[in-house]
PDB file of N, CA and C in Angstrom:
ATOM      1  N   MET A   1       3.692   6.199   8.621  1.00  0.00           N
ATOM      2  CA  MET A   1       3.168   7.537   8.418  1.00  0.00           C
ATOM      3  C   MET A   1       1.844   7.635   9.168  1.00  0.00           C
ATOM      4  N   ASN A   2       1.682   8.690   9.895  1.00  0.00           N
ATOM      5  CA  ASN A   2       0.484   8.907  10.719  1.00  0.00           C
ATOM      6  C   ASN A   2      -0.343  10.045  10.127  1.00  0.00           C
ATOM      7  N   PHE A   3      -1.574   9.766   9.780  1.00  0.00           N
ATOM      8  CA  PHE A   3      -2.485  10.803   9.280  1.00  0.00           C
ATOM      9  C   PHE A   3      -3.393  11.276  10.412  1.00  0.00           C
ATOM     10  N   ALA A   4      -3.669  12.574  10.437  1.00  0.00           N
ATOM     11  CA  ALA A   4      -4.612  13.127  11.408  1.00  0.00           C
ATOM     12  C   ALA A   4      -6.028  12.816  10.940  1.00  0.00           C
ATOM     13  N   GLY A   5      -6.806  12.267  11.810  1.00  0.00           N
ATOM     14  CA  GLY A   5      -8.179  11.943  11.462  1.00  0.00           C
ATOM     15  C   GLY A   5      -9.109  12.197  12.634  1.00  0.00           C
ATOM     16  N   LEU A   6     -10.370  12.111  12.334  1.00  0.00           N
ATOM     17  CA  LEU A   6     -11.424  12.260  13.340  1.00  0.00           C
ATOM     18  C   LEU A   6     -12.417  11.124  13.152  1.00  0.00           C
ATOM     19  N   TRP A   7     -13.038  10.698  14.228  1.00  0.00           N
ATOM     20  CA  TRP A   7     -14.097   9.707  14.124  1.00  0.00           C
ATOM     21  C   TRP A   7     -15.213  10.074  15.079  1.00  0.00           C
ATOM     22  N   GLU A   8     -16.380   9.538  14.793  1.00  0.00           N
ATOM     23  CA  GLU A   8     -17.539   9.806  15.639  1.00  0.00           C
ATOM     24  C   GLU A   8     -18.544   8.668  15.478  1.00  0.00           C
ATOM     25  N   GLU A   9     -19.213   8.354  16.558  1.00  0.00           N
ATOM     26  CA  GLU A   9     -20.363   7.462  16.486  1.00  0.00           C
ATOM     27  C   GLU A   9     -21.593   8.354  16.503  1.00  0.00           C
ATOM     28  N   TRP A  10     -22.481   8.173  15.550  1.00  0.00           N
ATOM     29  CA  TRP A  10     -23.683   8.999  15.511  1.00  0.00           C
ATOM     30  C   TRP A  10     -24.881   8.132  15.175  1.00  0.00           C
ATOM     31  N   LYS A  11     -26.043   8.626  15.508  1.00  0.00           N
ATOM     32  CA  LYS A  11     -27.262   7.859  15.292  1.00  0.00           C
ATOM     33  C   LYS A  11     -28.208   8.639  14.388  1.00  0.00           C
ATOM     34  N   PRO A  12     -28.248   8.252  13.123  1.00  0.00           N
ATOM     35  CA  PRO A  12     -29.247   8.857  12.234  1.00  0.00           C
ATOM     36  C   PRO A  12     -30.643   8.434  12.678  1.00  0.00           C
ATOM     37  N   LYS A  13     -31.631   9.178  12.263  1.00  0.00           N
ATOM     38  CA  LYS A  13     -33.020   8.846  12.612  1.00  0.00           C
ATOM     39  C   LYS A  13     -33.391   7.470  12.084  1.00  0.00           C
ATOM     40  N   ASP A  14     -33.995   6.671  12.961  1.00  0.00           N
ATOM     41  CA  ASP A  14     -34.547   5.357  12.603  1.00  0.00           C
ATOM     42  C   ASP A  14     -33.521   4.387  12.014  1.00  0.00           C
ATOM     43  N   VAL A  15     -32.264   4.544  12.364  1.00  0.00           N
ATOM     44  CA  VAL A  15     -31.217   3.642  11.878  1.00  0.00           C
ATOM     45  C   VAL A  15     -30.288   3.322  13.053  1.00  0.00           C
ATOM     46  N   GLU A  16     -29.650   2.188  12.986  1.00  0.00           N
ATOM     47  CA  GLU A  16     -28.686   1.815  14.021  1.00  0.00           C
ATOM     48  C   GLU A  16     -27.536   2.833  14.068  1.00  0.00           C
ATOM     49  N   PRO A  17     -26.913   3.003  15.234  1.00  0.00           N
ATOM     50  CA  PRO A  17     -25.765   3.911  15.308  1.00  0.00           C
ATOM     51  C   PRO A  17     -24.688   3.526  14.294  1.00  0.00           C
ATOM     52  N   MET A  18     -23.981   4.538  13.779  1.00  0.00           N
ATOM     53  CA  MET A  18     -22.958   4.331  12.767  1.00  0.00           C
ATOM     54  C   MET A  18     -21.649   4.973  13.223  1.00  0.00           C
ATOM     55  N   LEU A  19     -20.545   4.364  12.817  1.00  0.00           N
ATOM     56  CA  LEU A  19     -19.248   4.971  13.013  1.00  0.00           C
ATOM     57  C   LEU A  19     -18.857   5.656  11.717  1.00  0.00           C
ATOM     58  N   SER A  20     -18.335   6.857  11.822  1.00  0.00           N
ATOM     59  CA  SER A  20     -17.848   7.549  10.624  1.00  0.00           C
ATOM     60  C   SER A  20     -16.469   8.124  10.944  1.00  0.00           C
ATOM     61  N   CYS A  21     -15.682   8.318   9.893  1.00  0.00           N
ATOM     62  CA  CYS A  21     -14.345   8.860  10.096  1.00  0.00           C
ATOM     63  C   CYS A  21     -13.933   9.689   8.892  1.00  0.00           C
ATOM     64  N   THR A  22     -12.905  10.491   9.085  1.00  0.00           N
ATOM     65  CA  THR A  22     -12.376  11.319   8.015  1.00  0.00           C
ATOM     66  C   THR A  22     -10.885  11.521   8.240  1.00  0.00           C
ATOM     67  N   ILE A  23     -10.157  11.701   7.149  1.00  0.00           N
ATOM     68  CA  ILE A  23      -8.752  12.103   7.225  1.00  0.00           C
ATOM     69  C   ILE A  23      -8.723  13.598   6.942  1.00  0.00           C
ATOM     70  N   ILE A  24      -8.049  14.343   7.789  1.00  0.00           N
ATOM     71  CA  ILE A  24      -7.972  15.799   7.647  1.00  0.00           C
ATOM     72  C   ILE A  24      -6.923  16.144   6.598  1.00  0.00           C
ATOM     73  N   THR A  25      -7.234  17.121   5.748  1.00  0.00           N
ATOM     74  CA  THR A  25      -6.280  17.567   4.735  1.00  0.00           C
ATOM     75  C   THR A  25      -5.848  19.005   5.015  1.00  0.00           C
ATOM     76  N   ALA A  26      -4.716  19.371   4.417  1.00  0.00           N
ATOM     77  CA  ALA A  26      -4.165  20.725   4.521  1.00  0.00           C
ATOM     78  C   ALA A  26      -3.618  21.110   3.157  1.00  0.00           C
ATOM     79  N   ASN A  27      -3.184  22.334   3.019  1.00  0.00           N
ATOM     80  CA  ASN A  27      -2.509  22.731   1.795  1.00  0.00           C
ATOM     81  C   ASN A  27      -1.284  21.853   1.603  1.00  0.00           C
ATOM     82  N   ALA A  28      -0.929  21.606   0.360  1.00  0.00           N
ATOM     83  CA  ALA A  28       0.233  20.775   0.065  1.00  0.00           C
ATOM     84  C   ALA A  28       1.522  21.486   0.452  1.00  0.00           C
ATOM     85  N   ASN A  29       2.505  20.701   0.891  1.00  0.00           N
ATOM     86  CA  ASN A  29       3.827  21.261   1.124  1.00  0.00           C
ATOM     87  C   ASN A  29       4.584  21.277  -0.212  1.00  0.00           C
ATOM     88  N   LYS A  30       5.817  21.753  -0.218  1.00  0.00           N
ATOM     89  CA  LYS A  30       6.580  21.884  -1.464  1.00  0.00           C
ATOM     90  C   LYS A  30       6.862  20.538  -2.124  1.00  0.00           C
ATOM     91  N   ALA A  31       6.941  19.468  -1.364  1.00  0.00           N
ATOM     92  CA  ALA A  31       7.205  18.142  -1.932  1.00  0.00           C
ATOM     93  C   ALA A  31       6.004  17.593  -2.692  1.00  0.00           C
ATOM     94  N   VAL A  32       4.820  18.045  -2.349  1.00  0.00           N
ATOM     95  CA  VAL A  32       3.585  17.492  -2.921  1.00  0.00           C
ATOM     96  C   VAL A  32       2.887  18.476  -3.860  1.00  0.00           C
ATOM     97  N   ALA A  33       3.191  19.741  -3.789  1.00  0.00           N
ATOM     98  CA  ALA A  33       2.442  20.783  -4.505  1.00  0.00           C
ATOM     99  C   ALA A  33       2.375  20.564  -6.018  1.00  0.00           C
ATOM    100  N   ASP A  34       3.393  19.954  -6.625  1.00  0.00           N
ATOM    101  CA  ASP A  34       3.342  19.686  -8.065  1.00  0.00           C
ATOM    102  C   ASP A  34       2.385  18.553  -8.407  1.00  0.00           C
ATOM    103  N   ILE A  35       1.993  17.767  -7.399  1.00  0.00           N
ATOM    104  CA  ILE A  35       1.106  16.625  -7.602  1.00  0.00           C
ATOM    105  C   ILE A  35      -0.341  17.009  -7.329  1.00  0.00           C
ATOM    106  N   HIS A  36      -0.554  17.769  -6.257  1.00  0.00           N
ATOM    107  CA  HIS A  36      -1.919  18.139  -5.846  1.00  0.00           C
ATOM    108  C   HIS A  36      -1.844  19.375  -4.956  1.00  0.00           C
ATOM    109  N   SER A  37      -2.943  20.098  -4.856  1.00  0.00           N
ATOM    110  CA  SER A  37      -2.966  21.337  -4.062  1.00  0.00           C
ATOM    111  C   SER A  37      -3.144  21.095  -2.572  1.00  0.00           C
ATOM    112  N   ARG A  38      -3.534  19.876  -2.193  1.00  0.00           N
ATOM    113  CA  ARG A  38      -3.669  19.572  -0.767  1.00  0.00           C
ATOM    114  C   ARG A  38      -3.155  18.172  -0.502  1.00  0.00           C
ATOM    115  N   MET A  39      -3.003  17.861   0.761  1.00  0.00           N
ATOM    116  CA  MET A  39      -2.464  16.566   1.167  1.00  0.00           C
ATOM    117  C   MET A  39      -3.020  16.202   2.541  1.00  0.00           C
ATOM    118  N   PRO A  40      -2.962  14.916   2.906  1.00  0.00           N
ATOM    119  CA  PRO A  40      -3.383  14.560   4.264  1.00  0.00           C
ATOM    120  C   PRO A  40      -2.487  15.248   5.283  1.00  0.00           C
ATOM    121  N   VAL A  41      -3.048  15.589   6.421  1.00  0.00           N
ATOM    122  CA  VAL A  41      -2.239  16.110   7.513  1.00  0.00           C
ATOM    123  C   VAL A  41      -1.451  14.929   8.073  1.00  0.00           C
ATOM    124  N   ILE A  42      -0.129  15.050   8.020  1.00  0.00           N
ATOM    125  CA  ILE A  42       0.759  14.016   8.531  1.00  0.00           C
ATOM    126  C   ILE A  42       1.222  14.442   9.919  1.00  0.00           C
ATOM    127  N   LEU A  43       1.127  13.510  10.855  1.00  0.00           N
ATOM    128  CA  LEU A  43       1.578  13.770  12.222  1.00  0.00           C
ATOM    129  C   LEU A  43       2.891  13.058  12.458  1.00  0.00           C
ATOM    130  N   GLY A  44       3.845  13.744  13.051  1.00  0.00           N
ATOM    131  CA  GLY A  44       5.081  13.098  13.470  1.00  0.00           C
ATOM    132  C   GLY A  44       4.812  12.200  14.663  1.00  0.00           C
ATOM    133  N   ASP A  45       5.659  11.211  14.855  1.00  0.00           N
ATOM    134  CA  ASP A  45       5.496  10.314  16.011  1.00  0.00           C
ATOM    135  C   ASP A  45       5.418  11.093  17.316  1.00  0.00           C
ATOM    136  N   GLU A  46       6.145  12.206  17.377  1.00  0.00           N
ATOM    137  CA  GLU A  46       6.162  13.029  18.591  1.00  0.00           C
ATOM    138  C   GLU A  46       4.812  13.697  18.862  1.00  0.00           C
ATOM    139  N   ASP A  47       3.951  13.802  17.846  1.00  0.00           N
ATOM    140  CA  ASP A  47       2.635  14.440  17.991  1.00  0.00           C
ATOM    141  C   ASP A  47       1.533  13.478  18.432  1.00  0.00           C
ATOM    142  N   LEU A  48       1.751  12.189  18.266  1.00  0.00           N
ATOM    143  CA  LEU A  48       0.675  11.219  18.487  1.00  0.00           C
ATOM    144  C   LEU A  48       0.069  11.246  19.885  1.00  0.00           C
ATOM    145  N   PRO A  49       0.855  11.265  20.948  1.00  0.00           N
ATOM    146  CA  PRO A  49       0.215  11.255  22.281  1.00  0.00           C
ATOM    147  C   PRO A  49      -0.750  12.424  22.483  1.00  0.00           C
ATOM    148  N   ALA A  50      -0.389  13.594  22.026  1.00  0.00           N
ATOM    149  CA  ALA A  50      -1.276  14.752  22.185  1.00  0.00           C
ATOM    150  C   ALA A  50      -2.492  14.619  21.270  1.00  0.00           C
ATOM    151  N   TRP A  51      -2.283  14.211  20.010  1.00  0.00           N
ATOM    152  CA  TRP A  51      -3.396  14.098  19.063  1.00  0.00           C
ATOM    153  C   TRP A  51      -4.412  13.059  19.525  1.00  0.00           C
ATOM    154  N   LEU A  52      -3.920  11.950  20.064  1.00  0.00           N
ATOM    155  CA  LEU A  52      -4.801  10.862  20.494  1.00  0.00           C
ATOM    156  C   LEU A  52      -5.389  11.070  21.881  1.00  0.00           C
ATOM    157  N   GLY A  53      -5.040  12.174  22.539  1.00  0.00           N
ATOM    158  CA  GLY A  53      -5.584  12.467  23.853  1.00  0.00           C
ATOM    159  C   GLY A  53      -4.913  11.703  24.975  1.00  0.00           C
ATOM    160  N   GLU A  54      -3.749  11.110  24.695  1.00  0.00           N
ATOM    161  CA  GLU A  54      -3.031  10.376  25.730  1.00  0.00           C
ATOM    162  C   GLU A  54      -2.284  11.321  26.670  1.00  0.00           C
ATOM    163  N   GLU A  55      -2.043  12.541  26.220  1.00  0.00           N
ATOM    164  CA  GLU A  55      -1.496  13.587  27.076  1.00  0.00           C
ATOM    165  C   GLU A  55      -2.212  14.886  26.770  1.00  0.00           C
ATOM    166  N   GLU A  56      -2.242  15.776  27.746  1.00  0.00           N
ATOM    167  CA  GLU A  56      -2.963  17.041  27.579  1.00  0.00           C
ATOM    168  C   GLU A  56      -2.327  17.896  26.502  1.00  0.00           C
ATOM    169  N   ALA A  57      -3.186  18.597  25.760  1.00  0.00           N
ATOM    170  CA  ALA A  57      -2.713  19.514  24.719  1.00  0.00           C
ATOM    171  C   ALA A  57      -3.660  20.694  24.647  1.00  0.00           C
ATOM    172  N   ALA A  58      -3.091  21.879  24.524  1.00  0.00           N
ATOM    173  CA  ALA A  58      -3.902  23.087  24.352  1.00  0.00           C
ATOM    174  C   ALA A  58      -4.451  23.109  22.930  1.00  0.00           C
ATOM    175  N   PRO A  59      -5.613  23.728  22.736  1.00  0.00           N
ATOM    176  CA  PRO A  59      -6.169  23.824  21.371  1.00  0.00           C
ATOM    177  C   PRO A  59      -5.165  24.391  20.366  1.00  0.00           C
ATOM    178  N   GLU A  60      -4.364  25.369  20.787  1.00  0.00           N
ATOM    179  CA  GLU A  60      -3.379  25.964  19.875  1.00  0.00           C
ATOM    180  C   GLU A  60      -2.329  24.946  19.451  1.00  0.00           C
ATOM    181  N   GLN A  61      -1.952  24.065  20.356  1.00  0.00           N
ATOM    182  CA  GLN A  61      -0.973  23.016  20.046  1.00  0.00           C
ATOM    183  C   GLN A  61      -1.548  22.048  19.011  1.00  0.00           C
ATOM    184  N   LEU A  62      -2.808  21.683  19.177  1.00  0.00           N
ATOM    185  CA  LEU A  62      -3.455  20.768  18.230  1.00  0.00           C
ATOM    186  C   LEU A  62      -3.628  21.434  16.866  1.00  0.00           C
ATOM    187  N   LEU A  63      -4.029  22.698  16.851  1.00  0.00           N
ATOM    188  CA  LEU A  63      -4.181  23.414  15.583  1.00  0.00           C
ATOM    189  C   LEU A  63      -2.858  23.524  14.830  1.00  0.00           C
ATOM    190  N   LYS A  64      -1.767  23.692  15.547  1.00  0.00           N
ATOM    191  CA  LYS A  64      -0.443  23.774  14.926  1.00  0.00           C
ATOM    192  C   LYS A  64      -0.109  22.477  14.183  1.00  0.00           C
ATOM    193  N   MET A  65      -0.617  21.353  14.666  1.00  0.00           N
ATOM    194  CA  MET A  65      -0.370  20.060  14.015  1.00  0.00           C
ATOM    195  C   MET A  65      -1.052  19.956  12.661  1.00  0.00           C
ATOM    196  N   LEU A  66      -2.040  20.819  12.407  1.00  0.00           N
ATOM    197  CA  LEU A  66      -2.794  20.759  11.150  1.00  0.00           C
ATOM    198  C   LEU A  66      -2.126  21.517  10.014  1.00  0.00           C
ATOM    199  N   GLU A  67      -0.940  22.049  10.256  1.00  0.00           N
ATOM    200  CA  GLU A  67      -0.187  22.720   9.204  1.00  0.00           C
ATOM    201  C   GLU A  67       0.477  21.671   8.314  1.00  0.00           C
ATOM    202  N   PRO A  68       0.815  22.039   7.065  1.00  0.00           N
ATOM    203  CA  PRO A  68       1.474  21.065   6.189  1.00  0.00           C
ATOM    204  C   PRO A  68       2.754  20.509   6.830  1.00  0.00           C
ATOM    205  N   PHE A  69       2.939  19.216   6.719  1.00  0.00           N
ATOM    206  CA  PHE A  69       4.119  18.536   7.241  1.00  0.00           C
ATOM    207  C   PHE A  69       5.350  19.056   6.519  1.00  0.00           C
ATOM    208  N   PRO A  70       6.471  19.234   7.202  1.00  0.00           N
ATOM    209  CA  PRO A  70       7.672  19.764   6.541  1.00  0.00           C
ATOM    210  C   PRO A  70       8.083  18.929   5.324  1.00  0.00           C
ATOM    211  N   ALA A  71       8.292  19.585   4.201  1.00  0.00           N
ATOM    212  CA  ALA A  71       8.683  18.895   2.971  1.00  0.00           C
ATOM    213  C   ALA A  71       9.998  18.147   3.144  1.00  0.00           C
ATOM    214  N   SER A  72      10.856  18.621   4.025  1.00  0.00           N
ATOM    215  CA  SER A  72      12.142  17.966   4.254  1.00  0.00           C
ATOM    216  C   SER A  72      11.996  16.593   4.911  1.00  0.00           C
ATOM    217  N   ARG A  73      10.789  16.290   5.427  1.00  0.00           N
ATOM    218  CA  ARG A  73      10.569  15.014   6.116  1.00  0.00           C
ATOM    219  C   ARG A  73       9.790  14.006   5.279  1.00  0.00           C
ATOM    220  N   VAL A  74       9.520  14.336   3.991  1.00  0.00           N
ATOM    221  CA  VAL A  74       8.833  13.399   3.097  1.00  0.00           C
ATOM    222  C   VAL A  74       9.571  13.327   1.769  1.00  0.00           C
ATOM    223  N   MET A  75       9.294  12.267   1.022  1.00  0.00           N
ATOM    224  CA  MET A  75       9.859  12.110  -0.317  1.00  0.00           C
ATOM    225  C   MET A  75       8.727  11.762  -1.271  1.00  0.00           C
ATOM    226  N   ALA A  76       8.855  12.223  -2.503  1.00  0.00           N
ATOM    227  CA  ALA A  76       7.864  11.887  -3.531  1.00  0.00           C
ATOM    228  C   ALA A  76       8.614  11.507  -4.798  1.00  0.00           C
ATOM    229  N   TRP A  77       8.098  10.523  -5.536  1.00  0.00           N
ATOM    230  CA  TRP A  77       8.679  10.140  -6.819  1.00  0.00           C
ATOM    231  C   TRP A  77       7.559   9.604  -7.702  1.00  0.00           C
ATOM    232  N   PRO A  78       7.726   9.693  -9.023  1.00  0.00           N
ATOM    233  CA  PRO A  78       6.691   9.214  -9.941  1.00  0.00           C
ATOM    234  C   PRO A  78       6.579   7.691  -9.913  1.00  0.00           C
ATOM    235  N   VAL A  79       5.346   7.210  -9.936  1.00  0.00           N
ATOM    236  CA  VAL A  79       5.074   5.772  -9.999  1.00  0.00           C
ATOM    237  C   VAL A  79       4.095   5.520 -11.141  1.00  0.00           C
ATOM    238  N   SER A  80       3.910   4.269 -11.478  1.00  0.00           N
ATOM    239  CA  SER A  80       2.998   3.877 -12.549  1.00  0.00           C
ATOM    240  C   SER A  80       1.567   4.298 -12.226  1.00  0.00           C
ATOM    241  N   LYS A  81       0.799   4.617 -13.246  1.00  0.00           N
ATOM    242  CA  LYS A  81      -0.621   4.941 -13.047  1.00  0.00           C
ATOM    243  C   LYS A  81      -1.397   3.729 -12.536  1.00  0.00           C
ATOM    244  N   ALA A  82      -0.810   2.556 -12.647  1.00  0.00           N
ATOM    245  CA  ALA A  82      -1.450   1.337 -12.148  1.00  0.00           C
ATOM    246  C   ALA A  82      -1.679   1.396 -10.642  1.00  0.00           C
ATOM    247  N   VAL A  83      -0.946   2.240  -9.933  1.00  0.00           N
ATOM    248  CA  VAL A  83      -1.108   2.363  -8.488  1.00  0.00           C
ATOM    249  C   VAL A  83      -2.503   2.888  -8.134  1.00  0.00           C
ATOM    250  N   GLY A  84      -3.165   3.553  -9.067  1.00  0.00           N
ATOM    251  CA  GLY A  84      -4.488   4.113  -8.820  1.00  0.00           C
ATOM    252  C   GLY A  84      -5.633   3.125  -8.942  1.00  0.00           C
ATOM    253  N   ASN A  85      -5.349   1.866  -9.282  1.00  0.00           N
ATOM    254  CA  ASN A  85      -6.385   0.853  -9.429  1.00  0.00           C
ATOM    255  C   ASN A  85      -6.262  -0.136  -8.273  1.00  0.00           C
ATOM    256  N   VAL A  86      -7.300  -0.247  -7.440  1.00  0.00           N
ATOM    257  CA  VAL A  86      -7.243  -1.100  -6.249  1.00  0.00           C
ATOM    258  C   VAL A  86      -7.055  -2.574  -6.585  1.00  0.00           C
ATOM    259  N   ARG A  87      -7.336  -2.980  -7.818  1.00  0.00           N
ATOM    260  CA  ARG A  87      -7.128  -4.379  -8.210  1.00  0.00           C
ATOM    261  C   ARG A  87      -5.650  -4.713  -8.366  1.00  0.00           C
ATOM    262  N   ASN A  88      -4.815  -3.705  -8.568  1.00  0.00           N
ATOM    263  CA  ASN A  88      -3.381  -3.923  -8.722  1.00  0.00           C
ATOM    264  C   ASN A  88      -2.734  -3.975  -7.350  1.00  0.00           C
ATOM    265  N   GLN A  89      -1.911  -4.970  -7.130  1.00  0.00           N
ATOM    266  CA  GLN A  89      -1.251  -5.178  -5.846  1.00  0.00           C
ATOM    267  C   GLN A  89       0.225  -5.455  -6.080  1.00  0.00           C
ATOM    268  N   GLY A  90       1.062  -5.178  -5.095  1.00  0.00           N
ATOM    269  CA  GLY A  90       2.465  -5.551  -5.153  1.00  0.00           C
ATOM    270  C   GLY A  90       3.400  -4.380  -4.942  1.00  0.00           C
ATOM    271  N   VAL A  91       4.581  -4.697  -4.442  1.00  0.00           N
ATOM    272  CA  VAL A  91       5.575  -3.665  -4.156  1.00  0.00           C
ATOM    273  C   VAL A  91       6.097  -3.013  -5.432  1.00  0.00           C
ATOM    274  N   GLU A  92       5.976  -3.678  -6.574  1.00  0.00           N
ATOM    275  CA  GLU A  92       6.451  -3.090  -7.826  1.00  0.00           C
ATOM    276  C   GLU A  92       5.699  -1.808  -8.170  1.00  0.00           C
ATOM    277  N   LEU A  93       4.530  -1.612  -7.596  1.00  0.00           N
ATOM    278  CA  LEU A  93       3.769  -0.372  -7.829  1.00  0.00           C
ATOM    279  C   LEU A  93       4.474   0.835  -7.225  1.00  0.00           C
ATOM    280  N   LEU A  94       5.357   0.615  -6.276  1.00  0.00           N
ATOM    281  CA  LEU A  94       6.063   1.704  -5.598  1.00  0.00           C
ATOM    282  C   LEU A  94       7.371   2.080  -6.278  1.00  0.00           C
ATOM    283  N   LEU A  95       7.766   1.310  -7.304  1.00  0.00           N
ATOM    284  CA  LEU A  95       9.028   1.583  -7.983  1.00  0.00           C
ATOM    285  C   LEU A  95       8.922   2.848  -8.817  1.00  0.00           C
ATOM    286  N   GLU A  96      10.003   3.611  -8.840  1.00  0.00           N
ATOM    287  CA  GLU A  96      10.030   4.858  -9.598  1.00  0.00           C
ATOM    288  C   GLU A  96       9.937   4.577 -11.099  1.00  0.00           C
ATOM    289  N   THR A  97       9.124   5.393 -11.788  1.00  0.00           N
ATOM    290  CA  THR A  97       9.017   5.296 -13.246  1.00  0.00           C
ATOM    291  C   THR A  97       9.497   6.632 -13.832  1.00  0.00           C
ATOM    292  N   ASN A  98       9.830   6.614 -15.061  1.00  0.00           N
ATOM    293  CA  ASN A  98      10.267   7.854 -15.729  1.00  0.00           C
ATOM    294  C   ASN A  98       9.274   8.289 -16.768  1.00  0.00           C
TER     295      ASN A  98
END
């Protein structure tokens, strides 16, 4: 899964240069809307060359990528609340719960 993000190197006053980054969010699609009102912008593999600047893209083409990813291309299912704790590890966290 590819998330749209931005990064920048900047120099605050009297401090060494810093790298900063962000993941861009959009309104949730129908697959995610019951979970949260927004979601990360997901890029399809076909969008990566343009997003990463490896091929030319018009501003309108890039802005179109910031729309919610089609719900038909993602799946969501309930998992344990343990997934929200970074100390918990393992594939069992991804198993569906009822």
